Amino acid sequence: MVHLDAILVACAMVVGFCVIMMKFTGFWPCRIAEVFQVDSITCTKSFGENIDSMKSWIQTSLNLHYVLLSLHNT
């Protein structure tokens, strides 16, 4: 039997811990992406520009463009 409330509490605790650690270390997701040189993500870009960069990077690295086109054509 799966206890949904325990799963939700555990997920909330993990997210809370991550936010607290990011606050203490000063490394936010855009800074972490800069450190690991993930595609062209920088903290100087807007959130939308970073999302578009990630989307295009994922599409090219996983070759999802053709899958998305086939789903769109059906």
C-alpha atoms as a PDB file:
ATOM      1  CA  MET A   1       0.000   0.000   0.000  1.00  0.00           C
ATOM      2  CA  VAL A   2       1.440   3.324  -1.059  1.00  0.00           C
ATOM      3  CA  HIS A   3       1.115   6.179   1.398  1.00  0.00           C
ATOM      4  CA  LEU A   4       0.670   9.213  -0.829  1.00  0.00           C
ATOM      5  CA  ASP A   5       0.967  11.636   2.061  1.00  0.00           C
ATOM      6  CA  ALA A   6       4.392  10.229   3.007  1.00  0.00           C
ATOM      7  CA  ILE A   7       5.576  10.582  -0.596  1.00  0.00           C
ATOM      8  CA  LEU A   8       4.369  14.195  -0.773  1.00  0.00           C
ATOM      9  CA  VAL A   9       6.023  15.078   2.553  1.00  0.00           C
ATOM     10  CA  ALA A  10       9.292  13.460   1.447  1.00  0.00           C
ATOM     11  CA  CYS A  11       9.256  15.381  -1.852  1.00  0.00           C
ATOM     12  CA  ALA A  12       8.549  18.647  -0.023  1.00  0.00           C
ATOM     13  CA  MET A  13      11.412  17.949   2.383  1.00  0.00           C
ATOM     14  CA  VAL A  14      13.833  17.272  -0.484  1.00  0.00           C
ATOM     15  CA  VAL A  15      12.832  20.488  -2.262  1.00  0.00           C
ATOM     16  CA  GLY A  16      13.100  22.454   0.996  1.00  0.00           C
ATOM     17  CA  PHE A  17      16.540  21.016   1.724  1.00  0.00           C
ATOM     18  CA  CYS A  18      17.726  21.916  -1.785  1.00  0.00           C
ATOM     19  CA  VAL A  19      16.482  25.491  -1.433  1.00  0.00           C
ATOM     20  CA  ILE A  20      18.166  25.860   1.971  1.00  0.00           C
ATOM     21  CA  MET A  21      21.454  24.508   0.615  1.00  0.00           C
ATOM     22  CA  MET A  22      21.262  26.838  -2.389  1.00  0.00           C
ATOM     23  CA  LYS A  23      20.660  29.747  -0.023  1.00  0.00           C
ATOM     24  CA  PHE A  24      23.668  28.821   2.164  1.00  0.00           C
ATOM     25  CA  THR A  25      26.079  28.157  -0.706  1.00  0.00           C
ATOM     26  CA  GLY A  26      24.900  30.913  -3.024  1.00  0.00           C
ATOM     27  CA  PHE A  27      24.804  28.510  -5.951  1.00  0.00           C
ATOM     28  CA  TRP A  28      21.465  28.891  -7.702  1.00  0.00           C
ATOM     29  CA  PRO A  29      20.477  26.759 -10.703  1.00  0.00           C
ATOM     30  CA  CYS A  30      21.744  29.238 -13.306  1.00  0.00           C
ATOM     31  CA  ARG A  31      25.108  29.512 -11.506  1.00  0.00           C
ATOM     32  CA  ILE A  32      25.392  25.719 -11.240  1.00  0.00           C
ATOM     33  CA  ALA A  33      24.722  25.469 -14.994  1.00  0.00           C
ATOM     34  CA  GLU A  34      27.452  28.065 -15.624  1.00  0.00           C
ATOM     35  CA  VAL A  35      29.949  26.151 -13.484  1.00  0.00           C
ATOM     36  CA  PHE A  36      29.277  22.884 -15.319  1.00  0.00           C
ATOM     37  CA  GLN A  37      29.135  24.750 -18.665  1.00  0.00           C
ATOM     38  CA  VAL A  38      25.701  23.443 -19.597  1.00  0.00           C
ATOM     39  CA  ASP A  39      25.006  24.649 -23.139  1.00  0.00           C
ATOM     40  CA  SER A  40      24.653  28.442 -23.230  1.00  0.00           C
ATOM     41  CA  ILE A  41      22.909  29.028 -19.909  1.00  0.00           C
ATOM     42  CA  THR A  42      24.011  32.095 -17.993  1.00  0.00           C
ATOM     43  CA  CYS A  43      22.606  34.123 -15.142  1.00  0.00           C
ATOM     44  CA  THR A  44      22.608  37.235 -17.329  1.00  0.00           C
ATOM     45  CA  LYS A  45      19.933  35.801 -19.630  1.00  0.00           C
ATOM     46  CA  SER A  46      16.270  35.868 -18.792  1.00  0.00           C
ATOM     47  CA  PHE A  47      14.482  32.766 -17.548  1.00  0.00           C
ATOM     48  CA  GLY A  48      12.693  32.337 -20.890  1.00  0.00           C
ATOM     49  CA  GLU A  49      15.940  32.557 -22.865  1.00  0.00           C
ATOM     50  CA  ASN A  50      17.556  29.931 -20.628  1.00  0.00           C
ATOM     51  CA  ILE A  51      14.532  27.649 -21.025  1.00  0.00           C
ATOM     52  CA  ASP A  52      14.688  28.051 -24.826  1.00  0.00           C
ATOM     53  CA  SER A  53      18.410  27.247 -24.766  1.00  0.00           C
ATOM     54  CA  MET A  54      17.798  24.120 -22.701  1.00  0.00           C
ATOM     55  CA  LYS A  55      14.935  23.062 -24.956  1.00  0.00           C
ATOM     56  CA  SER A  56      17.020  23.356 -28.113  1.00  0.00           C
ATOM     57  CA  TRP A  57      19.996  21.638 -26.424  1.00  0.00           C
ATOM     58  CA  ILE A  58      17.837  18.711 -25.322  1.00  0.00           C
ATOM     59  CA  GLN A  59      16.248  18.425 -28.752  1.00  0.00           C
ATOM     60  CA  THR A  60      19.591  18.329 -30.532  1.00  0.00           C
ATOM     61  CA  SER A  61      21.326  16.072 -28.030  1.00  0.00           C
ATOM     62  CA  LEU A  62      18.504  13.537 -27.885  1.00  0.00           C
ATOM     63  CA  ASN A  63      17.384  14.076 -31.479  1.00  0.00           C
ATOM     64  CA  LEU A  64      13.821  14.714 -30.295  1.00  0.00           C
ATOM     65  CA  HIS A  65      13.023  17.048 -33.155  1.00  0.00           C
ATOM     66  CA  TYR A  66      11.908  14.176 -35.346  1.00  0.00           C
ATOM     67  CA  VAL A  67       9.853  12.627 -32.559  1.00  0.00           C
ATOM     68  CA  LEU A  68       8.127  15.939 -31.870  1.00  0.00           C
ATOM     69  CA  LEU A  69       7.410  16.419 -35.563  1.00  0.00           C
ATOM     70  CA  SER A  70       5.926  12.937 -35.867  1.00  0.00           C
ATOM     71  CA  LEU A  71       3.718  13.565 -32.831  1.00  0.00           C
ATOM     72  CA  HIS A  72       2.635  16.908 -34.261  1.00  0.00           C
ATOM     73  CA  ASN A  73       1.698  15.393 -37.619  1.00  0.00           C
ATOM     74  CA  THR A  74      -0.573  12.717 -36.154  1.00  0.00           C
END
